[in-house]
């Protein structure tokens, strides 16, 4: 595989993983409707869990709607 093909594949992979949240609605993930996504709620979505700590900007262990929107 050429360097260009590898680079394009990597860009595609990164784009796909960062775009996952566009397919999720905050209220769908926030199943208890408390206005925050807990780690337990996020655990059903592996892509979200991979980014959870980075998205949790105030480090309170939950994602607010604003923090979740940053993934979109």
C-alpha atoms as a PDB file:
ATOM      1  CA  UNK A   1       0.000   0.000   0.000  1.00  0.00           C
ATOM      2  CA  UNK A   2       1.423   3.387  -0.946  1.00  0.00           C
ATOM      3  CA  UNK A   3       2.000   6.170   1.577  1.00  0.00           C
ATOM      4  CA  UNK A   4      -0.793   8.174  -0.018  1.00  0.00           C
ATOM      5  CA  UNK A   5      -3.252   5.305   0.259  1.00  0.00           C
ATOM      6  CA  UNK A   6      -2.273   4.754   3.896  1.00  0.00           C
ATOM      7  CA  UNK A   7      -2.719   8.443   4.645  1.00  0.00           C
ATOM      8  CA  UNK A   8      -6.146   8.494   3.008  1.00  0.00           C
ATOM      9  CA  UNK A   9      -7.190   5.389   4.925  1.00  0.00           C
ATOM     10  CA  UNK A  10      -6.071   6.968   8.194  1.00  0.00           C
ATOM     11  CA  UNK A  11      -7.929  10.215   7.460  1.00  0.00           C
ATOM     12  CA  UNK A  12     -11.066   8.238   6.638  1.00  0.00           C
ATOM     13  CA  UNK A  13     -10.807   6.256   9.852  1.00  0.00           C
ATOM     14  CA  UNK A  14     -10.303   9.353  11.998  1.00  0.00           C
ATOM     15  CA  UNK A  15     -13.157  11.161  10.263  1.00  0.00           C
ATOM     16  CA  UNK A  16     -15.486   8.230  10.757  1.00  0.00           C
ATOM     17  CA  UNK A  17     -14.693   7.858  14.449  1.00  0.00           C
ATOM     18  CA  UNK A  18     -15.039  11.568  15.201  1.00  0.00           C
ATOM     19  CA  UNK A  19     -18.326  11.738  13.345  1.00  0.00           C
ATOM     20  CA  UNK A  20     -19.978   8.978  15.369  1.00  0.00           C
ATOM     21  CA  UNK A  21     -21.800  11.393  17.660  1.00  0.00           C
ATOM     22  CA  UNK A  22     -23.665  12.894  14.747  1.00  0.00           C
ATOM     23  CA  UNK A  23     -25.607   9.638  14.637  1.00  0.00           C
ATOM     24  CA  UNK A  24     -26.461   9.812  18.342  1.00  0.00           C
ATOM     25  CA  UNK A  25     -28.937  12.073  20.011  1.00  0.00           C
ATOM     26  CA  UNK A  26     -28.068  13.314  23.505  1.00  0.00           C
ATOM     27  CA  UNK A  27     -31.490  12.353  24.836  1.00  0.00           C
ATOM     28  CA  UNK A  28     -31.168   8.838  23.424  1.00  0.00           C
ATOM     29  CA  UNK A  29     -27.935   8.249  25.333  1.00  0.00           C
ATOM     30  CA  UNK A  30     -29.203  10.011  28.494  1.00  0.00           C
ATOM     31  CA  UNK A  31     -31.638   7.196  29.253  1.00  0.00           C
ATOM     32  CA  UNK A  32     -32.506   8.380  32.767  1.00  0.00           C
ATOM     33  CA  UNK A  33     -33.214  11.908  31.454  1.00  0.00           C
ATOM     34  CA  UNK A  34     -31.220  13.608  34.207  1.00  0.00           C
ATOM     35  CA  UNK A  35     -29.554  16.021  31.791  1.00  0.00           C
ATOM     36  CA  UNK A  36     -26.174  14.275  31.829  1.00  0.00           C
ATOM     37  CA  UNK A  37     -24.626  11.185  30.278  1.00  0.00           C
ATOM     38  CA  UNK A  38     -22.959   8.996  32.888  1.00  0.00           C
ATOM     39  CA  UNK A  39     -20.169   6.573  32.116  1.00  0.00           C
ATOM     40  CA  UNK A  40     -22.684   3.758  32.598  1.00  0.00           C
ATOM     41  CA  UNK A  41     -24.977   5.249  29.951  1.00  0.00           C
ATOM     42  CA  UNK A  42     -22.050   5.906  27.609  1.00  0.00           C
ATOM     43  CA  UNK A  43     -20.762   2.340  28.030  1.00  0.00           C
ATOM     44  CA  UNK A  44     -23.317   1.140  25.455  1.00  0.00           C
ATOM     45  CA  UNK A  45     -21.486   3.171  22.799  1.00  0.00           C
ATOM     46  CA  UNK A  46     -17.822   2.121  22.424  1.00  0.00           C
ATOM     47  CA  UNK A  47     -16.960   5.141  20.274  1.00  0.00           C
ATOM     48  CA  UNK A  48     -18.324   7.487  22.916  1.00  0.00           C
ATOM     49  CA  UNK A  49     -16.444   5.681  25.680  1.00  0.00           C
ATOM     50  CA  UNK A  50     -13.195   6.088  23.779  1.00  0.00           C
ATOM     51  CA  UNK A  51     -13.649   9.865  23.866  1.00  0.00           C
ATOM     52  CA  UNK A  52     -15.508  10.194  27.164  1.00  0.00           C
ATOM     53  CA  UNK A  53     -12.611  11.487  29.298  1.00  0.00           C
ATOM     54  CA  UNK A  54     -11.580  13.996  26.626  1.00  0.00           C
ATOM     55  CA  UNK A  55     -15.146  15.245  26.189  1.00  0.00           C
ATOM     56  CA  UNK A  56     -15.694  15.552  29.962  1.00  0.00           C
ATOM     57  CA  UNK A  57     -14.059  18.987  30.072  1.00  0.00           C
ATOM     58  CA  UNK A  58     -14.982  19.749  33.688  1.00  0.00           C
ATOM     59  CA  UNK A  59     -13.931  16.224  34.804  1.00  0.00           C
ATOM     60  CA  UNK A  60     -17.108  15.549  36.780  1.00  0.00           C
ATOM     61  CA  UNK A  61     -17.556  12.032  35.393  1.00  0.00           C
ATOM     62  CA  UNK A  62     -20.572  12.993  33.283  1.00  0.00           C
ATOM     63  CA  UNK A  63     -21.159  14.585  29.912  1.00  0.00           C
ATOM     64  CA  UNK A  64     -23.423  17.596  29.772  1.00  0.00           C
ATOM     65  CA  UNK A  65     -25.300  18.335  26.590  1.00  0.00           C
ATOM     66  CA  UNK A  66     -22.686  20.979  25.760  1.00  0.00           C
ATOM     67  CA  UNK A  67     -19.786  18.567  26.325  1.00  0.00           C
ATOM     68  CA  UNK A  68     -21.519  15.928  24.209  1.00  0.00           C
ATOM     69  CA  UNK A  69     -22.082  18.471  21.429  1.00  0.00           C
ATOM     70  CA  UNK A  70     -18.324  19.009  21.235  1.00  0.00           C
ATOM     71  CA  UNK A  71     -18.047  15.518  19.744  1.00  0.00           C
ATOM     72  CA  UNK A  72     -20.262  16.472  16.830  1.00  0.00           C
END
